[in-house]
Amino acid sequence: MTFPAAFLLWLMAFSCHVRLHPLRYGVSPLGPHARHIAVTCRIVAPGVAWALSAWLDGMTGVLIWFASLSIAGLCVALCLASRRR
């Protein structure tokens, strides 16, 4: 349960990061309200993932948090790379 939740929260954070940098990643720009939501999600999602992981599994949860960070980052990078081709 810990890994899927942390993975989805990291995926959300990385996706919001991509949407906040439209020129660098080649996506359409966000409106002001959506931009505010994306900034909030980018800041809050990793913290919630960490708190949830630490609360559910202790030290193992923190290691799961780091593992899900790496895998989610790779998933977003692969998605961006496939869109550019």
C-alpha atoms as a PDB file:
ATOM      1  CA  MET A   1       0.000   0.000   0.000  1.00  0.00           C
ATOM      2  CA  THR A   2       2.857   2.380   0.789  1.00  0.00           C
ATOM      3  CA  PHE A   3       4.659   2.139  -2.537  1.00  0.00           C
ATOM      4  CA  PRO A   4       1.643   2.780  -4.807  1.00  0.00           C
ATOM      5  CA  ALA A   5       0.547   5.778  -2.742  1.00  0.00           C
ATOM      6  CA  ALA A   6       4.036   7.296  -2.631  1.00  0.00           C
ATOM      7  CA  PHE A   7       4.570   6.553  -6.329  1.00  0.00           C
ATOM      8  CA  LEU A   8       1.333   8.290  -7.342  1.00  0.00           C
ATOM      9  CA  LEU A   9       2.122  11.335  -5.204  1.00  0.00           C
ATOM     10  CA  TRP A  10       5.617  11.616  -6.701  1.00  0.00           C
ATOM     11  CA  LEU A  11       4.159  11.158 -10.170  1.00  0.00           C
ATOM     12  CA  MET A  12       1.764  14.010  -9.469  1.00  0.00           C
ATOM     13  CA  ALA A  13       4.601  16.228  -8.217  1.00  0.00           C
ATOM     14  CA  PHE A  14       6.786  15.564 -11.270  1.00  0.00           C
ATOM     15  CA  SER A  15       3.855  16.046 -13.642  1.00  0.00           C
ATOM     16  CA  CYS A  16       3.067  19.393 -12.027  1.00  0.00           C
ATOM     17  CA  HIS A  17       6.717  20.371 -12.380  1.00  0.00           C
ATOM     18  CA  VAL A  18       6.581  19.594 -16.101  1.00  0.00           C
ATOM     19  CA  ARG A  19       3.396  21.615 -16.529  1.00  0.00           C
ATOM     20  CA  LEU A  20       4.981  24.590 -14.764  1.00  0.00           C
ATOM     21  CA  HIS A  21       7.825  24.740 -17.304  1.00  0.00           C
ATOM     22  CA  PRO A  22       6.026  24.700 -20.675  1.00  0.00           C
ATOM     23  CA  LEU A  23       8.888  26.049 -22.791  1.00  0.00           C
ATOM     24  CA  ARG A  24      11.477  23.617 -21.463  1.00  0.00           C
ATOM     25  CA  TYR A  25       9.279  20.531 -21.826  1.00  0.00           C
ATOM     26  CA  GLY A  26       7.184  21.527 -24.831  1.00  0.00           C
ATOM     27  CA  VAL A  27       3.748  21.443 -23.198  1.00  0.00           C
ATOM     28  CA  SER A  28       0.977  24.010 -23.343  1.00  0.00           C
ATOM     29  CA  PRO A  29       1.068  26.764 -20.685  1.00  0.00           C
ATOM     30  CA  LEU A  30      -1.330  26.784 -17.743  1.00  0.00           C
ATOM     31  CA  GLY A  31      -3.764  29.500 -16.768  1.00  0.00           C
ATOM     32  CA  PRO A  32      -3.256  31.451 -13.529  1.00  0.00           C
ATOM     33  CA  HIS A  33      -5.590  29.301 -11.415  1.00  0.00           C
ATOM     34  CA  ALA A  34      -4.222  26.010 -12.746  1.00  0.00           C
ATOM     35  CA  ARG A  35      -0.693  27.320 -12.235  1.00  0.00           C
ATOM     36  CA  HIS A  36      -1.445  28.028  -8.571  1.00  0.00           C
ATOM     37  CA  ILE A  37      -2.814  24.493  -8.126  1.00  0.00           C
ATOM     38  CA  ALA A  38       0.233  22.982  -9.868  1.00  0.00           C
ATOM     39  CA  VAL A  39       2.639  24.912  -7.622  1.00  0.00           C
ATOM     40  CA  THR A  40       0.749  23.769  -4.535  1.00  0.00           C
ATOM     41  CA  CYS A  41       0.730  20.136  -5.678  1.00  0.00           C
ATOM     42  CA  ARG A  42       4.419  20.235  -6.560  1.00  0.00           C
ATOM     43  CA  ILE A  43       5.222  21.436  -3.029  1.00  0.00           C
ATOM     44  CA  VAL A  44       2.716  19.403  -1.013  1.00  0.00           C
ATOM     45  CA  ALA A  45       2.739  16.007  -2.776  1.00  0.00           C
ATOM     46  CA  PRO A  46       6.301  14.914  -1.826  1.00  0.00           C
ATOM     47  CA  GLY A  47       5.726  15.932   1.789  1.00  0.00           C
ATOM     48  CA  VAL A  48       2.486  13.982   1.981  1.00  0.00           C
ATOM     49  CA  ALA A  49       4.193  10.990   0.371  1.00  0.00           C
ATOM     50  CA  TRP A  50       7.003  11.165   2.932  1.00  0.00           C
ATOM     51  CA  ALA A  51       4.647  11.516   5.892  1.00  0.00           C
ATOM     52  CA  LEU A  52       2.446   8.675   4.674  1.00  0.00           C
ATOM     53  CA  SER A  53       5.410   6.395   4.023  1.00  0.00           C
ATOM     54  CA  ALA A  54       7.040   7.132   7.381  1.00  0.00           C
ATOM     55  CA  TRP A  55       3.763   6.742   9.255  1.00  0.00           C
ATOM     56  CA  LEU A  56       2.816   3.441   7.617  1.00  0.00           C
ATOM     57  CA  ASP A  57       6.200   1.681   7.509  1.00  0.00           C
ATOM     58  CA  GLY A  58       8.685   3.686   9.561  1.00  0.00           C
ATOM     59  CA  MET A  59      12.245   3.560   8.273  1.00  0.00           C
ATOM     60  CA  THR A  60      11.331   1.081   5.541  1.00  0.00           C
ATOM     61  CA  GLY A  61       8.705   3.562   4.404  1.00  0.00           C
ATOM     62  CA  VAL A  62      11.323   6.267   4.016  1.00  0.00           C
ATOM     63  CA  LEU A  63      13.355   3.905   1.801  1.00  0.00           C
ATOM     64  CA  ILE A  64      10.185   3.178  -0.176  1.00  0.00           C
ATOM     65  CA  TRP A  65       9.697   6.949  -0.502  1.00  0.00           C
ATOM     66  CA  PHE A  66      13.144   7.297  -2.090  1.00  0.00           C
ATOM     67  CA  ALA A  67      12.558   4.295  -4.374  1.00  0.00           C
ATOM     68  CA  SER A  68       9.221   5.629  -5.575  1.00  0.00           C
ATOM     69  CA  LEU A  69      10.862   9.020  -6.237  1.00  0.00           C
ATOM     70  CA  SER A  70      13.362   7.418  -8.593  1.00  0.00           C
ATOM     71  CA  ILE A  71      10.838   5.279 -10.426  1.00  0.00           C
ATOM     72  CA  ALA A  72       8.304   8.103 -10.816  1.00  0.00           C
ATOM     73  CA  GLY A  73      11.027  10.405 -12.139  1.00  0.00           C
ATOM     74  CA  LEU A  74      12.037   7.807 -14.710  1.00  0.00           C
ATOM     75  CA  CYS A  75       8.401   7.301 -15.770  1.00  0.00           C
ATOM     76  CA  VAL A  76       7.862  11.023 -16.350  1.00  0.00           C
ATOM     77  CA  ALA A  77      11.176  11.322 -18.208  1.00  0.00           C
ATOM     78  CA  LEU A  78      10.321   8.376 -20.467  1.00  0.00           C
ATOM     79  CA  CYS A  79       6.889   9.851 -21.149  1.00  0.00           C
ATOM     80  CA  LEU A  80       8.444  13.190 -22.119  1.00  0.00           C
ATOM     81  CA  ALA A  81      11.059  11.508 -24.289  1.00  0.00           C
ATOM     82  CA  SER A  82       8.407   9.512 -26.154  1.00  0.00           C
ATOM     83  CA  ARG A  83       6.353  12.679 -26.785  1.00  0.00           C
ATOM     84  CA  ARG A  84       9.270  14.518 -28.381  1.00  0.00           C
ATOM     85  CA  ARG A  85       9.934  11.903 -31.054  1.00  0.00           C
END
